[in-house]
Amino acid sequence: MKSLTRIILASWIVAGSLQLKADDAVTIAVRPRVTNIGGTAELKVLVSRNEANRKLLWEIDGPNFYRSSEVQLDGASAPRSYLFRVHNLPSGEFEVRATVKRNDESTAADRSDLRVIGPEW
């Protein structure tokens, strides 16, 4: 029973740390922020519900490496959270971005950093 309580408490803490503020349209969290070469990073993107939201674009951009993907959003009825995994990362410093594109041509964005350490192959 203690294990279940700890798991529930940890889930609430993590979920609370990723909640959007009222004025945040999109928030991105990268886990882990530092990983080894060849490792995997998880990108958790939270998008506020807004009828104008139409696309979510995430990007990882660094030296000699770029990866991105785009997801269609169905306005206010789209899910709030999205999880993406990027595998086999090369060493370097990366900027991680999430951008929401709206039907009125406006955008909202958030960014984070990712560091991959280790010798080149």
Protein backbone atom coordinates (compact mmCIF):
# COMPACT_ATOMS: atom_id res chain seq x y z
CA MET A 1 0.00 0.00 0.00
CA LYS A 2 2.89 2.37 0.73
CA SER A 3 4.27 1.76 -2.77
CA LEU A 4 0.96 2.67 -4.38
CA THR A 5 0.75 5.84 -2.31
CA ARG A 6 4.29 6.83 -3.34
CA ILE A 7 3.52 6.21 -7.02
CA ILE A 8 0.34 8.32 -6.85
CA LEU A 9 2.14 11.11 -5.01
CA ALA A 10 5.01 11.10 -7.52
CA SER A 11 2.53 11.21 -10.42
CA TRP A 12 0.78 14.24 -8.95
CA ILE A 13 4.08 16.04 -8.40
CA VAL A 14 5.21 15.42 -11.99
CA ALA A 15 1.82 16.35 -13.45
CA GLY A 16 1.69 19.52 -11.36
CA SER A 17 5.14 20.60 -12.50
CA LEU A 18 4.04 20.37 -16.14
CA GLN A 19 0.71 22.20 -15.88
CA LEU A 20 0.18 25.21 -18.07
CA LYS A 21 -0.15 28.65 -16.60
CA ALA A 22 -3.27 30.47 -17.71
CA ASP A 23 -1.35 32.49 -20.31
CA ASP A 24 0.80 29.62 -21.68
CA ALA A 25 -0.42 28.25 -25.00
CA VAL A 26 2.27 25.56 -25.21
CA THR A 27 4.86 24.15 -22.81
CA ILE A 28 7.63 21.64 -23.57
CA ALA A 29 9.55 19.51 -21.08
CA VAL A 30 12.58 17.39 -22.05
CA ARG A 31 13.50 14.30 -20.03
CA PRO A 32 16.30 13.70 -19.37
CA ARG A 33 17.90 17.10 -19.97
CA VAL A 34 21.31 15.39 -20.20
CA THR A 35 21.81 11.96 -21.76
CA ASN A 36 24.60 9.82 -23.22
CA ILE A 37 25.42 9.57 -26.89
CA GLY A 38 23.05 7.17 -28.64
CA GLY A 39 20.46 7.80 -25.94
CA THR A 40 16.77 8.65 -26.08
CA ALA A 41 15.01 11.84 -25.04
CA GLU A 42 11.31 12.19 -24.28
CA LEU A 43 9.54 15.41 -25.17
CA LYS A 44 6.31 16.11 -23.31
CA VAL A 45 4.31 18.91 -24.87
CA LEU A 46 1.25 20.43 -23.21
CA VAL A 47 -1.07 22.51 -25.40
CA SER A 48 -3.82 24.71 -24.01
CA ARG A 49 -7.25 24.07 -25.43
CA ASN A 50 -8.03 26.78 -27.95
CA GLU A 51 -10.45 26.66 -30.86
CA ALA A 52 -7.87 28.35 -33.13
CA ASN A 53 -5.13 25.68 -32.62
CA ARG A 54 -4.48 23.77 -35.85
CA LYS A 55 -0.92 22.30 -35.83
CA LEU A 56 1.74 21.35 -33.32
CA LEU A 57 5.34 21.33 -34.58
CA TRP A 58 8.19 19.99 -32.43
CA GLU A 59 11.86 20.29 -33.37
CA ILE A 60 15.26 19.21 -32.07
CA ASP A 61 18.00 21.32 -33.61
CA GLY A 62 21.73 20.95 -33.07
CA PRO A 63 25.08 20.57 -34.80
CA ASN A 64 24.71 18.13 -37.71
CA PHE A 65 21.34 16.88 -36.43
CA TYR A 66 17.76 18.02 -36.94
CA ARG A 67 14.53 16.16 -36.30
CA SER A 68 10.95 17.42 -36.38
CA SER A 69 7.38 16.32 -36.73
CA GLU A 70 4.02 17.99 -37.10
CA VAL A 71 0.69 16.92 -35.60
CA GLN A 72 -2.74 18.17 -36.65
CA LEU A 73 -4.77 19.74 -33.83
CA ASP A 74 -8.54 19.85 -33.75
CA GLY A 75 -8.95 23.14 -31.92
CA ALA A 76 -10.37 22.98 -28.40
CA SER A 77 -11.22 19.29 -28.70
CA ALA A 78 -7.59 18.25 -29.30
CA PRO A 79 -5.73 16.40 -26.52
CA ARG A 80 -3.76 18.57 -24.10
CA SER A 81 -0.65 16.40 -23.84
CA TYR A 82 1.63 14.80 -26.41
CA LEU A 83 4.66 12.57 -25.85
CA PHE A 84 7.41 12.17 -28.44
CA ARG A 85 10.60 10.08 -28.23
CA VAL A 86 13.80 10.76 -30.15
CA HIS A 87 16.28 7.86 -30.32
CA ASN A 88 19.99 7.49 -31.17
CA LEU A 89 20.96 11.06 -30.40
CA PRO A 90 24.47 12.20 -31.40
CA SER A 91 26.60 14.24 -29.01
CA GLY A 92 26.06 17.97 -28.82
CA GLU A 93 23.94 20.80 -27.48
CA PHE A 94 20.39 20.91 -28.85
CA GLU A 95 17.57 23.39 -28.80
CA VAL A 96 14.17 21.73 -28.45
CA ARG A 97 11.14 23.72 -29.63
CA ALA A 98 7.37 23.27 -29.70
CA THR A 99 5.24 25.62 -31.77
CA VAL A 100 1.45 25.79 -32.04
CA LYS A 101 0.14 27.23 -35.29
CA ARG A 102 -3.33 28.76 -35.28
CA ASN A 103 -5.93 29.29 -37.99
CA ASP A 104 -5.44 33.07 -37.71
CA GLU A 105 -1.74 32.66 -38.73
CA SER A 106 -0.51 33.42 -35.20
CA THR A 107 1.84 31.07 -33.34
CA ALA A 108 2.83 30.29 -29.77
CA ALA A 109 6.10 28.60 -28.86
CA ASP A 110 8.20 27.25 -26.03
CA ARG A 111 11.77 25.99 -25.97
CA SER A 112 14.11 23.92 -23.85
CA ASP A 113 17.65 22.56 -24.06
CA LEU A 114 19.06 19.06 -24.36
CA ARG A 115 22.67 18.02 -23.91
CA VAL A 116 24.02 14.71 -25.22
CA ILE A 117 27.45 13.76 -23.90
CA GLY A 118 30.01 11.22 -25.02
CA PRO A 119 32.67 10.70 -27.67
CA GLU A 120 31.81 10.73 -31.36
CA TRP A 121 31.66 7.32 -33.03
